[in-house]
Amino acid sequence: MRIWDYGPSFSLKERLEGMISIPDESESGRGLMLLKEIASEVKYERVNENRNCLLLIKQSS
């Protein structure tokens, strides 16, 4: 699955490494952690027209 948006670019690796724990009372910040747990592989790239593409791959067993 690909998720597209026009938000600011970011480093997926740095973002995921910085998400060691999120306080229970936090109102945001769980999305990438959840995607990382669900998907077999998560990739990010910045493409033409300042678009972001988050690629989620799930391997079936």
N, C-alpha and C. Protein backbone atom coordinates (compact mmCIF):
# COMPACT_ATOMS: atom_id res chain seq x y z
N MET A 1 0.85 -1.15 0.00
CA MET A 1 0.00 0.00 0.00
C MET A 1 0.91 1.23 0.00
N ARG A 2 0.51 2.23 -0.74
CA ARG A 2 1.22 3.51 -0.76
C ARG A 2 0.33 4.59 -0.18
N ILE A 3 0.91 5.40 0.68
CA ILE A 3 0.22 6.54 1.27
C ILE A 3 0.94 7.79 0.78
N TRP A 4 0.18 8.70 0.15
CA TRP A 4 0.74 9.91 -0.44
C TRP A 4 0.27 11.14 0.33
N ASP A 5 1.15 12.15 0.45
CA ASP A 5 0.73 13.44 0.97
C ASP A 5 1.69 14.53 0.50
N TYR A 6 1.37 15.77 0.83
CA TYR A 6 2.18 16.92 0.44
C TYR A 6 2.83 17.57 1.65
N GLY A 7 2.96 16.87 2.74
CA GLY A 7 3.56 17.42 3.96
C GLY A 7 5.06 17.61 3.80
N PRO A 8 5.69 18.12 4.85
CA PRO A 8 7.14 18.31 4.81
C PRO A 8 7.86 16.96 4.75
N SER A 9 9.04 16.95 4.13
CA SER A 9 9.81 15.71 4.05
C SER A 9 10.40 15.38 5.42
N PHE A 10 10.77 14.12 5.61
CA PHE A 10 11.37 13.70 6.87
C PHE A 10 12.22 12.47 6.64
N SER A 11 13.04 12.14 7.62
CA SER A 11 13.86 10.94 7.57
C SER A 11 13.11 9.85 8.33
N LEU A 12 12.64 8.83 7.62
CA LEU A 12 11.90 7.75 8.25
C LEU A 12 12.76 7.05 9.29
N LYS A 13 14.01 6.79 8.96
CA LYS A 13 14.91 6.10 9.89
C LYS A 13 15.06 6.89 11.18
N GLU A 14 15.33 8.19 11.08
CA GLU A 14 15.48 9.02 12.28
C GLU A 14 14.18 9.11 13.07
N ARG A 15 13.07 9.22 12.38
CA ARG A 15 11.78 9.31 13.05
C ARG A 15 11.47 8.05 13.83
N LEU A 16 11.70 6.87 13.22
CA LEU A 16 11.43 5.60 13.88
C LEU A 16 12.39 5.35 15.04
N GLU A 17 13.67 5.73 14.87
CA GLU A 17 14.64 5.55 15.95
C GLU A 17 14.30 6.43 17.15
N GLY A 18 13.68 7.58 16.90
CA GLY A 18 13.31 8.49 17.98
C GLY A 18 12.03 8.10 18.69
N MET A 19 11.37 7.05 18.25
CA MET A 19 10.08 6.64 18.82
C MET A 19 10.25 5.44 19.74
N ILE A 20 11.16 5.52 20.67
CA ILE A 20 11.38 4.41 21.59
C ILE A 20 10.15 4.21 22.47
N SER A 21 9.62 5.30 22.98
CA SER A 21 8.38 5.19 23.76
C SER A 21 7.60 6.49 23.64
N ILE A 22 6.30 6.37 23.68
CA ILE A 22 5.40 7.52 23.60
C ILE A 22 4.52 7.48 24.84
N PRO A 23 4.47 8.57 25.59
CA PRO A 23 3.64 8.57 26.81
C PRO A 23 2.18 8.26 26.49
N ASP A 24 1.51 7.54 27.37
CA ASP A 24 0.11 7.18 27.17
C ASP A 24 -0.78 8.39 26.98
N GLU A 25 -0.45 9.51 27.62
CA GLU A 25 -1.30 10.69 27.53
C GLU A 25 -1.06 11.51 26.25
N SER A 26 -0.06 11.11 25.45
CA SER A 26 0.23 11.82 24.21
C SER A 26 -0.94 11.67 23.23
N GLU A 27 -1.27 12.78 22.56
CA GLU A 27 -2.39 12.78 21.61
C GLU A 27 -1.97 12.39 20.20
N SER A 28 -0.68 12.28 19.94
CA SER A 28 -0.23 11.95 18.59
C SER A 28 1.08 11.16 18.66
N GLY A 29 1.54 10.71 17.50
CA GLY A 29 2.84 10.07 17.42
C GLY A 29 2.83 8.56 17.37
N ARG A 30 1.67 7.96 17.33
CA ARG A 30 1.60 6.50 17.32
C ARG A 30 1.50 5.89 15.92
N GLY A 31 1.18 6.68 14.93
CA GLY A 31 0.92 6.16 13.59
C GLY A 31 2.07 5.40 12.98
N LEU A 32 3.26 5.99 12.93
CA LEU A 32 4.40 5.31 12.33
C LEU A 32 4.79 4.08 13.13
N MET A 33 4.70 4.16 14.45
CA MET A 33 5.00 3.00 15.29
C MET A 33 4.06 1.84 14.96
N LEU A 34 2.80 2.16 14.83
CA LEU A 34 1.80 1.14 14.52
C LEU A 34 2.06 0.54 13.14
N LEU A 35 2.34 1.38 12.16
CA LEU A 35 2.62 0.89 10.80
C LEU A 35 3.86 -0.01 10.80
N LYS A 36 4.87 0.37 11.57
CA LYS A 36 6.09 -0.43 11.64
C LYS A 36 5.80 -1.82 12.22
N GLU A 37 4.92 -1.89 13.19
CA GLU A 37 4.57 -3.17 13.81
C GLU A 37 3.71 -4.04 12.89
N ILE A 38 2.83 -3.43 12.13
CA ILE A 38 1.90 -4.17 11.27
C ILE A 38 2.57 -4.63 9.97
N ALA A 39 3.35 -3.76 9.36
CA ALA A 39 3.95 -4.05 8.05
C ALA A 39 5.24 -4.85 8.19
N SER A 40 5.54 -5.62 7.18
CA SER A 40 6.81 -6.34 7.11
C SER A 40 7.93 -5.37 6.76
N GLU A 41 7.58 -4.35 5.99
CA GLU A 41 8.57 -3.37 5.52
C GLU A 41 7.89 -2.02 5.35
N VAL A 42 8.57 -0.96 5.78
CA VAL A 42 8.07 0.41 5.62
C VAL A 42 9.17 1.22 4.96
N LYS A 43 8.84 1.89 3.85
CA LYS A 43 9.81 2.71 3.13
C LYS A 43 9.20 4.08 2.88
N TYR A 44 10.08 5.08 2.81
CA TYR A 44 9.63 6.45 2.55
C TYR A 44 10.49 7.04 1.44
N GLU A 45 9.85 7.83 0.57
CA GLU A 45 10.61 8.60 -0.41
C GLU A 45 9.89 9.90 -0.73
N ARG A 46 10.67 10.90 -1.04
CA ARG A 46 10.16 12.19 -1.50
C ARG A 46 10.19 12.14 -3.01
N VAL A 47 9.07 12.43 -3.67
CA VAL A 47 8.99 12.33 -5.12
C VAL A 47 8.65 13.69 -5.72
N ASN A 48 8.46 13.71 -7.04
CA ASN A 48 8.16 14.95 -7.76
C ASN A 48 7.02 15.72 -7.13
N GLU A 49 7.01 17.02 -7.38
CA GLU A 49 5.96 17.92 -6.92
C GLU A 49 5.86 17.98 -5.40
N ASN A 50 7.00 17.74 -4.70
CA ASN A 50 7.05 17.80 -3.24
C ASN A 50 6.06 16.87 -2.57
N ARG A 51 5.88 15.69 -3.14
CA ARG A 51 4.99 14.69 -2.56
C ARG A 51 5.79 13.66 -1.77
N ASN A 52 5.21 13.18 -0.69
CA ASN A 52 5.78 12.11 0.11
C ASN A 52 5.07 10.82 -0.25
N CYS A 53 5.82 9.73 -0.25
CA CYS A 53 5.23 8.42 -0.47
C CYS A 53 5.73 7.49 0.61
N LEU A 54 4.81 6.96 1.39
CA LEU A 54 5.12 5.96 2.41
C LEU A 54 4.64 4.62 1.86
N LEU A 55 5.55 3.70 1.68
CA LEU A 55 5.25 2.39 1.11
C LEU A 55 5.21 1.35 2.22
N LEU A 56 4.09 0.65 2.33
CA LEU A 56 3.93 -0.41 3.32
C LEU A 56 3.84 -1.74 2.60
N ILE A 57 4.66 -2.69 3.02
CA ILE A 57 4.66 -4.02 2.43
C ILE A 57 4.37 -5.03 3.54
N LYS A 58 3.43 -5.90 3.30
CA LYS A 58 3.09 -6.96 4.26
C LYS A 58 3.28 -8.30 3.58
N GLN A 59 4.21 -9.09 4.10
CA GLN A 59 4.46 -10.43 3.57
C GLN A 59 3.49 -11.40 4.22
N SER A 60 2.82 -12.20 3.43
CA SER A 60 1.94 -13.22 3.99
C SER A 60 2.73 -14.50 4.24
N SER A 61 2.33 -15.22 5.26
CA SER A 61 3.08 -16.45 5.57
C SER A 61 2.40 -17.68 5.04
